[in-house]
Every structure is written in structure tokens, then in C-alpha cells.
Amino acid sequence: MSIAYKVLTAEQMAVLLKDGVFLGAPIDLADGYIHLSAADQVTETVDKHFAGQSGLHVAAVNLSALGDAVKWEPSRGGQLFPHIYAALPLSAVTAHMPLARGGDGAVLLP
């Protein structure tokens, strides 16, 4: 099972849990895919794109469950990031938790 992570606002997490599907944040909808991060990319993603925001959540996503909808594409600094070219179903979320950081400042993963 290949896992990647989606950072969600509290409102977005509530929609995913209530509706059983997440269609995307405004940036996802504008870009045409849902942005995810690999484990070693989550902290930098939060620091760059969610600085100063509170009430965030981190969802672990089973990429294997999404099949061909997942594409690894170059982004920040040429790194490959997982992108989902479909809605994110709750059934593909293996765990989720409020965003927290360890003593080293790194985002803790569910």
C-alpha cells in the first residue's frame, strides 16, 4: 500500500467525513487535480501553503485504492508529488488526525 497525505482545513475535513468524498480545495479545483504530498514533503507543504492557519487536519490516503487516477508529477523544486485526477473518496483515507508537530517541528503523520 502506497500512502500519501492531504492537508485539509477543518471545514474540508468535515465535508469529507459527512459526504464521504472530497472534490478538492480551491487550488485543487483550479489546477484540475487534488494535491497530495509524500511523507517527507508534508512539513514543507504545510509551512509553504498553510502558514499561520489553524484547525488543519492531515489525512493519510491509500494511493493503491485510487489506481490510475494517481499521477506522480514534478512540482516544487522538481520533486515528484502525487496528484489525484478524481475526487478523493473517504474509502481511500486510511487515517486522519488534527495537524500536530513533533519536538523537531516536523508534522506528525497519522
PDB file of N, CA and C in Angstrom:
ATOM      1  N   MET A   1       0.856  -1.186   0.000  1.00  0.00           N
ATOM      2  CA  MET A   1       0.000   0.000   0.000  1.00  0.00           C
ATOM      3  C   MET A   1       0.892   1.235   0.000  1.00  0.00           C
ATOM      4  N   SER A   2       0.670   2.091  -0.949  1.00  0.00           N
ATOM      5  CA  SER A   2       1.410   3.350  -1.045  1.00  0.00           C
ATOM      6  C   SER A   2       0.559   4.453  -0.415  1.00  0.00           C
ATOM      7  N   ILE A   3       1.144   5.203   0.518  1.00  0.00           N
ATOM      8  CA  ILE A   3       0.408   6.231   1.251  1.00  0.00           C
ATOM      9  C   ILE A   3       0.953   7.617   0.910  1.00  0.00           C
ATOM     10  N   ALA A   4       0.053   8.565   0.716  1.00  0.00           N
ATOM     11  CA  ALA A   4       0.396   9.981   0.589  1.00  0.00           C
ATOM     12  C   ALA A   4      -0.544  10.738   1.517  1.00  0.00           C
ATOM     13  N   TYR A   5      -0.348  12.033   1.628  1.00  0.00           N
ATOM     14  CA  TYR A   5      -1.071  12.811   2.631  1.00  0.00           C
ATOM     15  C   TYR A   5      -1.712  14.050   2.030  1.00  0.00           C
ATOM     16  N   LYS A   6      -2.922  14.334   2.505  1.00  0.00           N
ATOM     17  CA  LYS A   6      -3.651  15.536   2.100  1.00  0.00           C
ATOM     18  C   LYS A   6      -3.857  16.399   3.334  1.00  0.00           C
ATOM     19  N   VAL A   7      -3.476  17.660   3.240  1.00  0.00           N
ATOM     20  CA  VAL A   7      -3.714  18.620   4.313  1.00  0.00           C
ATOM     21  C   VAL A   7      -5.057  19.288   4.024  1.00  0.00           C
ATOM     22  N   LEU A   8      -5.925  19.278   5.022  1.00  0.00           N
ATOM     23  CA  LEU A   8      -7.285  19.797   4.869  1.00  0.00           C
ATOM     24  C   LEU A   8      -7.597  20.801   5.970  1.00  0.00           C
ATOM     25  N   THR A   9      -8.409  21.790   5.648  1.00  0.00           N
ATOM     26  CA  THR A   9      -8.930  22.672   6.687  1.00  0.00           C
ATOM     27  C   THR A   9      -9.979  21.889   7.482  1.00  0.00           C
ATOM     28  N   ALA A  10     -10.356  22.416   8.631  1.00  0.00           N
ATOM     29  CA  ALA A  10     -11.384  21.749   9.439  1.00  0.00           C
ATOM     30  C   ALA A  10     -12.679  21.615   8.640  1.00  0.00           C
ATOM     31  N   GLU A  11     -13.033  22.642   7.876  1.00  0.00           N
ATOM     32  CA  GLU A  11     -14.257  22.601   7.069  1.00  0.00           C
ATOM     33  C   GLU A  11     -14.163  21.528   5.985  1.00  0.00           C
ATOM     34  N   GLN A  12     -13.018  21.442   5.319  1.00  0.00           N
ATOM     35  CA  GLN A  12     -12.832  20.429   4.276  1.00  0.00           C
ATOM     36  C   GLN A  12     -12.872  19.019   4.868  1.00  0.00           C
ATOM     37  N   MET A  13     -12.275  18.837   6.048  1.00  0.00           N
ATOM     38  CA  MET A  13     -12.304  17.527   6.701  1.00  0.00           C
ATOM     39  C   MET A  13     -13.739  17.159   7.042  1.00  0.00           C
ATOM     40  N   ALA A  14     -14.512  18.116   7.522  1.00  0.00           N
ATOM     41  CA  ALA A  14     -15.916  17.867   7.872  1.00  0.00           C
ATOM     42  C   ALA A  14     -16.713  17.451   6.638  1.00  0.00           C
ATOM     43  N   VAL A  15     -16.456  18.086   5.494  1.00  0.00           N
ATOM     44  CA  VAL A  15     -17.144  17.734   4.251  1.00  0.00           C
ATOM     45  C   VAL A  15     -16.784  16.305   3.847  1.00  0.00           C
ATOM     46  N   LEU A  16     -15.506  15.959   3.917  1.00  0.00           N
ATOM     47  CA  LEU A  16     -15.076  14.608   3.563  1.00  0.00           C
ATOM     48  C   LEU A  16     -15.777  13.572   4.440  1.00  0.00           C
ATOM     49  N   LEU A  17     -15.830  13.833   5.732  1.00  0.00           N
ATOM     50  CA  LEU A  17     -16.462  12.877   6.647  1.00  0.00           C
ATOM     51  C   LEU A  17     -17.978  12.805   6.446  1.00  0.00           C
ATOM     52  N   LYS A  18     -18.607  13.950   6.196  1.00  0.00           N
ATOM     53  CA  LYS A  18     -20.072  13.987   6.040  1.00  0.00           C
ATOM     54  C   LYS A  18     -20.514  13.421   4.698  1.00  0.00           C
ATOM     55  N   ASP A  19     -19.851  13.850   3.622  1.00  0.00           N
ATOM     56  CA  ASP A  19     -20.263  13.466   2.269  1.00  0.00           C
ATOM     57  C   ASP A  19     -19.619  12.175   1.778  1.00  0.00           C
ATOM     58  N   GLY A  20     -18.526  11.759   2.439  1.00  0.00           N
ATOM     59  CA  GLY A  20     -17.830  10.551   2.008  1.00  0.00           C
ATOM     60  C   GLY A  20     -16.952  10.759   0.790  1.00  0.00           C
ATOM     61  N   VAL A  21     -16.777  12.023   0.398  1.00  0.00           N
ATOM     62  CA  VAL A  21     -15.954  12.345  -0.767  1.00  0.00           C
ATOM     63  C   VAL A  21     -15.484  13.795  -0.638  1.00  0.00           C
ATOM     64  N   PHE A  22     -14.274  14.059  -1.141  1.00  0.00           N
ATOM     65  CA  PHE A  22     -13.732  15.412  -1.170  1.00  0.00           C
ATOM     66  C   PHE A  22     -13.422  15.741  -2.619  1.00  0.00           C
ATOM     67  N   LEU A  23     -14.023  16.805  -3.129  1.00  0.00           N
ATOM     68  CA  LEU A  23     -13.861  17.189  -4.533  1.00  0.00           C
ATOM     69  C   LEU A  23     -12.637  18.051  -4.770  1.00  0.00           C
ATOM     70  N   GLY A  24     -12.105  18.645  -3.700  1.00  0.00           N
ATOM     71  CA  GLY A  24     -10.895  19.447  -3.826  1.00  0.00           C
ATOM     72  C   GLY A  24     -11.018  20.804  -3.172  1.00  0.00           C
ATOM     73  N   ALA A  25      -9.869  21.316  -2.749  1.00  0.00           N
ATOM     74  CA  ALA A  25      -9.767  22.687  -2.238  1.00  0.00           C
ATOM     75  C   ALA A  25      -9.786  23.626  -3.444  1.00  0.00           C
ATOM     76  N   PRO A  26      -9.941  24.922  -3.214  1.00  0.00           N
ATOM     77  CA  PRO A  26      -9.948  25.854  -4.353  1.00  0.00           C
ATOM     78  C   PRO A  26      -8.735  25.694  -5.280  1.00  0.00           C
ATOM     79  N   ILE A  27      -7.544  25.500  -4.738  1.00  0.00           N
ATOM     80  CA  ILE A  27      -6.347  25.323  -5.577  1.00  0.00           C
ATOM     81  C   ILE A  27      -6.434  24.027  -6.385  1.00  0.00           C
ATOM     82  N   ASP A  28      -7.005  22.981  -5.765  1.00  0.00           N
ATOM     83  CA  ASP A  28      -7.164  21.708  -6.485  1.00  0.00           C
ATOM     84  C   ASP A  28      -8.118  21.880  -7.661  1.00  0.00           C
ATOM     85  N   LEU A  29      -9.227  22.524  -7.405  1.00  0.00           N
ATOM     86  CA  LEU A  29     -10.232  22.732  -8.452  1.00  0.00           C
ATOM     87  C   LEU A  29      -9.654  23.580  -9.590  1.00  0.00           C
ATOM     88  N   ALA A  30      -8.859  24.597  -9.240  1.00  0.00           N
ATOM     89  CA  ALA A  30      -8.254  25.459 -10.257  1.00  0.00           C
ATOM     90  C   ALA A  30      -7.229  24.696 -11.091  1.00  0.00           C
ATOM     91  N   ASP A  31      -6.479  23.785 -10.456  1.00  0.00           N
ATOM     92  CA  ASP A  31      -5.420  23.055 -11.156  1.00  0.00           C
ATOM     93  C   ASP A  31      -5.928  21.795 -11.854  1.00  0.00           C
ATOM     94  N   GLY A  32      -7.118  21.327 -11.487  1.00  0.00           N
ATOM     95  CA  GLY A  32      -7.687  20.152 -12.148  1.00  0.00           C
ATOM     96  C   GLY A  32      -7.300  18.828 -11.515  1.00  0.00           C
ATOM     97  N   TYR A  33      -6.695  18.865 -10.347  1.00  0.00           N
ATOM     98  CA  TYR A  33      -6.342  17.645  -9.624  1.00  0.00           C
ATOM     99  C   TYR A  33      -6.193  17.973  -8.140  1.00  0.00           C
ATOM    100  N   ILE A  34      -6.261  16.942  -7.309  1.00  0.00           N
ATOM    101  CA  ILE A  34      -6.096  17.121  -5.866  1.00  0.00           C
ATOM    102  C   ILE A  34      -4.623  16.935  -5.528  1.00  0.00           C
ATOM    103  N   HIS A  35      -4.059  17.954  -4.888  1.00  0.00           N
ATOM    104  CA  HIS A  35      -2.651  17.947  -4.484  1.00  0.00           C
ATOM    105  C   HIS A  35      -2.469  17.094  -3.226  1.00  0.00           C
ATOM    106  N   LEU A  36      -1.493  16.197  -3.255  1.00  0.00           N
ATOM    107  CA  LEU A  36      -1.095  15.445  -2.073  1.00  0.00           C
ATOM    108  C   LEU A  36       0.411  15.593  -1.911  1.00  0.00           C
ATOM    109  N   SER A  37       0.908  15.112  -0.784  1.00  0.00           N
ATOM    110  CA  SER A  37       2.345  15.121  -0.515  1.00  0.00           C
ATOM    111  C   SER A  37       2.775  13.755  -0.026  1.00  0.00           C
ATOM    112  N   ALA A  38       3.992  13.366  -0.392  1.00  0.00           N
ATOM    113  CA  ALA A  38       4.595  12.170   0.184  1.00  0.00           C
ATOM    114  C   ALA A  38       4.975  12.494   1.629  1.00  0.00           C
ATOM    115  N   ALA A  39       5.263  11.472   2.407  1.00  0.00           N
ATOM    116  CA  ALA A  39       5.559  11.657   3.835  1.00  0.00           C
ATOM    117  C   ALA A  39       6.653  12.698   4.073  1.00  0.00           C
ATOM    118  N   ASP A  40       7.709  12.650   3.282  1.00  0.00           N
ATOM    119  CA  ASP A  40       8.831  13.570   3.500  1.00  0.00           C
ATOM    120  C   ASP A  40       8.574  14.967   2.940  1.00  0.00           C
ATOM    121  N   GLN A  41       7.408  15.205   2.367  1.00  0.00           N
ATOM    122  CA  GLN A  41       7.066  16.516   1.794  1.00  0.00           C
ATOM    123  C   GLN A  41       6.019  17.274   2.604  1.00  0.00           C
ATOM    124  N   VAL A  42       5.372  16.598   3.564  1.00  0.00           N
ATOM    125  CA  VAL A  42       4.227  17.189   4.262  1.00  0.00           C
ATOM    126  C   VAL A  42       4.612  18.439   5.040  1.00  0.00           C
ATOM    127  N   THR A  43       5.694  18.394   5.809  1.00  0.00           N
ATOM    128  CA  THR A  43       6.070  19.555   6.628  1.00  0.00           C
ATOM    129  C   THR A  43       6.332  20.776   5.768  1.00  0.00           C
ATOM    130  N   GLU A  44       7.070  20.603   4.672  1.00  0.00           N
ATOM    131  CA  GLU A  44       7.352  21.731   3.782  1.00  0.00           C
ATOM    132  C   GLU A  44       6.065  22.250   3.133  1.00  0.00           C
ATOM    133  N   THR A  45       5.165  21.349   2.782  1.00  0.00           N
ATOM    134  CA  THR A  45       3.883  21.760   2.202  1.00  0.00           C
ATOM    135  C   THR A  45       3.097  22.616   3.190  1.00  0.00           C
ATOM    136  N   VAL A  46       3.018  22.173   4.430  1.00  0.00           N
ATOM    137  CA  VAL A  46       2.290  22.935   5.455  1.00  0.00           C
ATOM    138  C   VAL A  46       2.951  24.291   5.667  1.00  0.00           C
ATOM    139  N   ASP A  47       4.286  24.302   5.792  1.00  0.00           N
ATOM    140  CA  ASP A  47       4.997  25.562   6.030  1.00  0.00           C
ATOM    141  C   ASP A  47       4.830  26.541   4.869  1.00  0.00           C
ATOM    142  N   LYS A  48       4.787  26.039   3.652  1.00  0.00           N
ATOM    143  CA  LYS A  48       4.707  26.915   2.477  1.00  0.00           C
ATOM    144  C   LYS A  48       3.278  27.352   2.158  1.00  0.00           C
ATOM    145  N   HIS A  49       2.329  26.416   2.225  1.00  0.00           N
ATOM    146  CA  HIS A  49       0.979  26.705   1.733  1.00  0.00           C
ATOM    147  C   HIS A  49      -0.072  26.925   2.824  1.00  0.00           C
ATOM    148  N   PHE A  50       0.258  26.609   4.078  1.00  0.00           N
ATOM    149  CA  PHE A  50      -0.730  26.723   5.151  1.00  0.00           C
ATOM    150  C   PHE A  50      -0.193  27.517   6.345  1.00  0.00           C
ATOM    151  N   ALA A  51       0.856  28.303   6.133  1.00  0.00           N
ATOM    152  CA  ALA A  51       1.482  29.067   7.219  1.00  0.00           C
ATOM    153  C   ALA A  51       0.451  29.957   7.917  1.00  0.00           C
ATOM    154  N   GLY A  52       0.456  29.910   9.233  1.00  0.00           N
ATOM    155  CA  GLY A  52      -0.422  30.757  10.023  1.00  0.00           C
ATOM    156  C   GLY A  52      -1.842  30.264  10.159  1.00  0.00           C
ATOM    157  N   GLN A  53      -2.199  29.171   9.482  1.00  0.00           N
ATOM    158  CA  GLN A  53      -3.559  28.645   9.577  1.00  0.00           C
ATOM    159  C   GLN A  53      -3.671  27.679  10.754  1.00  0.00           C
ATOM    160  N   SER A  54      -4.808  27.693  11.382  1.00  0.00           N
ATOM    161  CA  SER A  54      -5.055  26.750  12.476  1.00  0.00           C
ATOM    162  C   SER A  54      -6.222  25.843  12.084  1.00  0.00           C
ATOM    163  N   GLY A  55      -6.459  24.817  12.876  1.00  0.00           N
ATOM    164  CA  GLY A  55      -7.574  23.917  12.612  1.00  0.00           C
ATOM    165  C   GLY A  55      -7.341  22.993  11.429  1.00  0.00           C
ATOM    166  N   LEU A  56      -6.078  22.757  11.082  1.00  0.00           N
ATOM    167  CA  LEU A  56      -5.777  21.895   9.944  1.00  0.00           C
ATOM    168  C   LEU A  56      -5.805  20.419  10.335  1.00  0.00           C
ATOM    169  N   HIS A  57      -6.016  19.574   9.364  1.00  0.00           N
ATOM    170  CA  HIS A  57      -6.021  18.119   9.549  1.00  0.00           C
ATOM    171  C   HIS A  57      -5.129  17.492   8.491  1.00  0.00           C
ATOM    172  N   VAL A  58      -4.623  16.307   8.807  1.00  0.00           N
ATOM    173  CA  VAL A  58      -3.821  15.544   7.856  1.00  0.00           C
ATOM    174  C   VAL A  58      -4.511  14.204   7.643  1.00  0.00           C
ATOM    175  N   ALA A  59      -4.761  13.873   6.393  1.00  0.00           N
ATOM    176  CA  ALA A  59      -5.392  12.602   6.046  1.00  0.00           C
ATOM    177  C   ALA A  59      -4.396  11.742   5.288  1.00  0.00           C
ATOM    178  N   ALA A  60      -4.276  10.480   5.714  1.00  0.00           N
ATOM    179  CA  ALA A  60      -3.440   9.503   5.005  1.00  0.00           C
ATOM    180  C   ALA A  60      -4.293   8.869   3.921  1.00  0.00           C
ATOM    181  N   VAL A  61      -3.791   8.862   2.701  1.00  0.00           N
ATOM    182  CA  VAL A  61      -4.545   8.379   1.547  1.00  0.00           C
ATOM    183  C   VAL A  61      -3.839   7.165   0.950  1.00  0.00           C
ATOM    184  N   ASN A  62      -4.587   6.083   0.797  1.00  0.00           N
ATOM    185  CA  ASN A  62      -4.074   4.873   0.164  1.00  0.00           C
ATOM    186  C   ASN A  62      -4.113   5.073  -1.350  1.00  0.00           C
ATOM    187  N   LEU A  63      -2.964   5.372  -1.926  1.00  0.00           N
ATOM    188  CA  LEU A  63      -2.906   5.637  -3.366  1.00  0.00           C
ATOM    189  C   LEU A  63      -3.255   4.401  -4.182  1.00  0.00           C
ATOM    190  N   SER A  64      -2.965   3.232  -3.645  1.00  0.00           N
ATOM    191  CA  SER A  64      -3.259   1.990  -4.359  1.00  0.00           C
ATOM    192  C   SER A  64      -4.749   1.850  -4.636  1.00  0.00           C
ATOM    193  N   ALA A  65      -5.578   2.387  -3.736  1.00  0.00           N
ATOM    194  CA  ALA A  65      -7.030   2.293  -3.900  1.00  0.00           C
ATOM    195  C   ALA A  65      -7.544   3.203  -5.013  1.00  0.00           C
ATOM    196  N   LEU A  66      -6.714   4.143  -5.454  1.00  0.00           N
ATOM    197  CA  LEU A  66      -7.147   5.118  -6.455  1.00  0.00           C
ATOM    198  C   LEU A  66      -6.683   4.775  -7.867  1.00  0.00           C
ATOM    199  N   GLY A  67      -5.841   3.761  -7.981  1.00  0.00           N
ATOM    200  CA  GLY A  67      -5.433   3.257  -9.293  1.00  0.00           C
ATOM    201  C   GLY A  67      -4.842   4.303 -10.207  1.00  0.00           C
ATOM    202  N   ASP A  68      -5.332   4.319 -11.442  1.00  0.00           N
ATOM    203  CA  ASP A  68      -4.794   5.193 -12.480  1.00  0.00           C
ATOM    204  C   ASP A  68      -5.120   6.669 -12.287  1.00  0.00           C
ATOM    205  N   ALA A  69      -5.943   7.005 -11.294  1.00  0.00           N
ATOM    206  CA  ALA A  69      -6.258   8.410 -11.031  1.00  0.00           C
ATOM    207  C   ALA A  69      -5.059   9.144 -10.432  1.00  0.00           C
ATOM    208  N   VAL A  70      -4.066   8.389  -9.926  1.00  0.00           N
ATOM    209  CA  VAL A  70      -2.886   8.984  -9.299  1.00  0.00           C
ATOM    210  C   VAL A  70      -1.772   9.137 -10.317  1.00  0.00           C
ATOM    211  N   LYS A  71      -1.213  10.331 -10.360  1.00  0.00           N
ATOM    212  CA  LYS A  71      -0.059  10.594 -11.218  1.00  0.00           C
ATOM    213  C   LYS A  71       0.996  11.303 -10.360  1.00  0.00           C
ATOM    214  N   TRP A  72       2.234  10.837 -10.459  1.00  0.00           N
ATOM    215  CA  TRP A  72       3.353  11.494  -9.775  1.00  0.00           C
ATOM    216  C   TRP A  72       3.959  12.481 -10.768  1.00  0.00           C
ATOM    217  N   GLU A  73       3.910  13.775 -10.403  1.00  0.00           N
ATOM    218  CA  GLU A  73       4.343  14.815 -11.335  1.00  0.00           C
ATOM    219  C   GLU A  73       5.287  15.797 -10.656  1.00  0.00           C
ATOM    220  N   PRO A  74       6.222  16.364 -11.426  1.00  0.00           N
ATOM    221  CA  PRO A  74       7.164  17.313 -10.844  1.00  0.00           C
ATOM    222  C   PRO A  74       6.466  18.599 -10.422  1.00  0.00           C
ATOM    223  N   SER A  75       6.913  19.109  -9.292  1.00  0.00           N
ATOM    224  CA  SER A  75       6.384  20.370  -8.781  1.00  0.00           C
ATOM    225  C   SER A  75       7.525  21.086  -8.069  1.00  0.00           C
ATOM    226  N   ARG A  76       7.292  21.535  -6.871  1.00  0.00           N
ATOM    227  CA  ARG A  76       8.238  22.327  -6.091  1.00  0.00           C
ATOM    228  C   ARG A  76       9.666  21.768  -6.178  1.00  0.00           C
ATOM    229  N   GLY A  77      10.564  22.548  -6.745  1.00  0.00           N
ATOM    230  CA  GLY A  77      11.966  22.159  -6.819  1.00  0.00           C
ATOM    231  C   GLY A  77      12.225  20.914  -7.643  1.00  0.00           C
ATOM    232  N   GLY A  78      11.283  20.557  -8.532  1.00  0.00           N
ATOM    233  CA  GLY A  78      11.456  19.382  -9.364  1.00  0.00           C
ATOM    234  C   GLY A  78      11.098  18.073  -8.672  1.00  0.00           C
ATOM    235  N   GLN A  79      10.680  18.149  -7.386  1.00  0.00           N
ATOM    236  CA  GLN A  79      10.270  16.937  -6.680  1.00  0.00           C
ATOM    237  C   GLN A  79       8.997  16.368  -7.305  1.00  0.00           C
ATOM    238  N   LEU A  80       8.854  15.047  -7.253  1.00  0.00           N
ATOM    239  CA  LEU A  80       7.625  14.415  -7.717  1.00  0.00           C
ATOM    240  C   LEU A  80       6.609  14.406  -6.592  1.00  0.00           C
ATOM    241  N   PHE A  81       5.401  14.871  -6.908  1.00  0.00           N
ATOM    242  CA  PHE A  81       4.297  14.893  -5.950  1.00  0.00           C
ATOM    243  C   PHE A  81       3.145  14.052  -6.492  1.00  0.00           C
ATOM    244  N   PRO A  82       2.414  13.387  -5.603  1.00  0.00           N
ATOM    245  CA  PRO A  82       1.237  12.633  -6.045  1.00  0.00           C
ATOM    246  C   PRO A  82       0.049  13.573  -6.262  1.00  0.00           C
ATOM    247  N   HIS A  83      -0.584  13.448  -7.404  1.00  0.00           N
ATOM    248  CA  HIS A  83      -1.782  14.227  -7.739  1.00  0.00           C
ATOM    249  C   HIS A  83      -2.896  13.243  -8.067  1.00  0.00           C
ATOM    250  N   ILE A  84      -4.104  13.542  -7.592  1.00  0.00           N
ATOM    251  CA  ILE A  84      -5.262  12.690  -7.873  1.00  0.00           C
ATOM    252  C   ILE A  84      -6.135  13.392  -8.905  1.00  0.00           C
ATOM    253  N   TYR A  85      -6.319  12.747 -10.048  1.00  0.00           N
ATOM    254  CA  TYR A  85      -7.179  13.286 -11.107  1.00  0.00           C
ATOM    255  C   TYR A  85      -8.570  12.666 -10.976  1.00  0.00           C
ATOM    256  N   ALA A  86      -9.168  12.856  -9.819  1.00  0.00           N
ATOM    257  CA  ALA A  86     -10.512  12.353  -9.496  1.00  0.00           C
ATOM    258  C   ALA A  86     -10.862  12.919  -8.123  1.00  0.00           C
ATOM    259  N   ALA A  87     -12.075  12.667  -7.694  1.00  0.00           N
ATOM    260  CA  ALA A  87     -12.451  13.032  -6.332  1.00  0.00           C
ATOM    261  C   ALA A  87     -11.753  12.082  -5.358  1.00  0.00           C
ATOM    262  N   LEU A  88     -11.571  12.533  -4.130  1.00  0.00           N
ATOM    263  CA  LEU A  88     -10.968  11.705  -3.086  1.00  0.00           C
ATOM    264  C   LEU A  88     -12.086  11.060  -2.267  1.00  0.00           C
ATOM    265  N   PRO A  89     -12.267   9.745  -2.394  1.00  0.00           N
ATOM    266  CA  PRO A  89     -13.305   9.086  -1.604  1.00  0.00           C
ATOM    267  C   PRO A  89     -12.808   8.798  -0.187  1.00  0.00           C
ATOM    268  N   LEU A  90     -13.694   8.919   0.774  1.00  0.00           N
ATOM    269  CA  LEU A  90     -13.349   8.617   2.159  1.00  0.00           C
ATOM    270  C   LEU A  90     -12.826   7.188   2.285  1.00  0.00           C
ATOM    271  N   SER A  91     -13.294   6.294   1.441  1.00  0.00           N
ATOM    272  CA  SER A  91     -12.859   4.894   1.499  1.00  0.00           C
ATOM    273  C   SER A  91     -11.358   4.739   1.251  1.00  0.00           C
ATOM    274  N   ALA A  92     -10.716   5.721   0.615  1.00  0.00           N
ATOM    275  CA  ALA A  92      -9.279   5.659   0.369  1.00  0.00           C
ATOM    276  C   ALA A  92      -8.463   6.278   1.505  1.00  0.00           C
ATOM    277  N   VAL A  93      -9.144   6.908   2.467  1.00  0.00           N
ATOM    278  CA  VAL A  93      -8.466   7.527   3.611  1.00  0.00           C
ATOM    279  C   VAL A  93      -8.299   6.469   4.693  1.00  0.00           C
ATOM    280  N   THR A  94      -7.040   6.164   5.005  1.00  0.00           N
ATOM    281  CA  THR A  94      -6.769   5.105   5.977  1.00  0.00           C
ATOM    282  C   THR A  94      -6.720   5.623   7.410  1.00  0.00           C
ATOM    283  N   ALA A  95      -6.438   6.909   7.583  1.00  0.00           N
ATOM    284  CA  ALA A  95      -6.373   7.528   8.914  1.00  0.00           C
ATOM    285  C   ALA A  95      -6.380   9.040   8.733  1.00  0.00           C
ATOM    286  N   HIS A  96      -6.769   9.737   9.784  1.00  0.00           N
ATOM    287  CA  HIS A  96      -6.693  11.197   9.760  1.00  0.00           C
ATOM    288  C   HIS A  96      -6.587  11.707  11.186  1.00  0.00           C
ATOM    289  N   MET A  97      -6.038  12.906  11.329  1.00  0.00           N
ATOM    290  CA  MET A  97      -5.882  13.495  12.655  1.00  0.00           C
ATOM    291  C   MET A  97      -5.673  14.995  12.521  1.00  0.00           C
ATOM    292  N   PRO A  98      -5.963  15.727  13.596  1.00  0.00           N
ATOM    293  CA  PRO A  98      -5.631  17.151  13.573  1.00  0.00           C
ATOM    294  C   PRO A  98      -4.121  17.317  13.390  1.00  0.00           C
ATOM    295  N   LEU A  99      -3.736  18.338  12.665  1.00  0.00           N
ATOM    296  CA  LEU A  99      -2.325  18.577  12.417  1.00  0.00           C
ATOM    297  C   LEU A  99      -1.615  18.878  13.731  1.00  0.00           C
ATOM    298  N   ALA A 100      -0.527  18.171  13.964  1.00  0.00           N
ATOM    299  CA  ALA A 100       0.314  18.387  15.142  1.00  0.00           C
ATOM    300  C   ALA A 100       1.761  18.260  14.704  1.00  0.00           C
ATOM    301  N   ARG A 101       2.641  18.866  15.491  1.00  0.00           N
ATOM    302  CA  ARG A 101       4.071  18.803  15.169  1.00  0.00           C
ATOM    303  C   ARG A 101       4.834  18.152  16.323  1.00  0.00           C
ATOM    304  N   GLY A 102       5.892  17.462  15.937  1.00  0.00           N
ATOM    305  CA  GLY A 102       6.774  16.866  16.928  1.00  0.00           C
ATOM    306  C   GLY A 102       7.733  17.912  17.471  1.00  0.00           C
ATOM    307  N   GLY A 103       8.571  17.498  18.398  1.00  0.00           N
ATOM    308  CA  GLY A 103       9.531  18.403  19.018  1.00  0.00           C
ATOM    309  C   GLY A 103      10.514  19.010  18.036  1.00  0.00           C
ATOM    310  N   ASP A 104      10.733  18.341  16.910  1.00  0.00           N
ATOM    311  CA  ASP A 104      11.636  18.858  15.882  1.00  0.00           C
ATOM    312  C   ASP A 104      10.937  19.781  14.893  1.00  0.00           C
ATOM    313  N   GLY A 105       9.629  20.009  15.089  1.00  0.00           N
ATOM    314  CA  GLY A 105       8.869  20.890  14.205  1.00  0.00           C
ATOM    315  C   GLY A 105       8.236  20.179  13.023  1.00  0.00           C
ATOM    316  N   ALA A 106       8.576  18.905  12.824  1.00  0.00           N
ATOM    317  CA  ALA A 106       8.009  18.155  11.697  1.00  0.00           C
ATOM    318  C   ALA A 106       6.548  17.808  11.974  1.00  0.00           C
ATOM    319  N   VAL A 107       5.741  17.818  10.922  1.00  0.00           N
ATOM    320  CA  VAL A 107       4.345  17.449  11.044  1.00  0.00           C
ATOM    321  C   VAL A 107       4.269  15.957  11.366  1.00  0.00           C
ATOM    322  N   LEU A 108       3.470  15.603  12.365  1.00  0.00           N
ATOM    323  CA  LEU A 108       3.245  14.211  12.723  1.00  0.00           C
ATOM    324  C   LEU A 108       2.235  13.625  11.747  1.00  0.00           C
ATOM    325  N   LEU A 109       2.460  12.401  11.334  1.00  0.00           N
ATOM    326  CA  LEU A 109       1.592  11.762  10.345  1.00  0.00           C
ATOM    327  C   LEU A 109       0.698  10.721  11.003  1.00  0.00           C
ATOM    328  N   PRO A 110      -0.570  10.656  10.543  1.00  0.00           N
ATOM    329  CA  PRO A 110      -1.488   9.662  11.109  1.00  0.00           C
ATOM    330  C   PRO A 110      -1.108   8.246  10.684  1.00  0.00           C
TER     331      PRO A 110
END
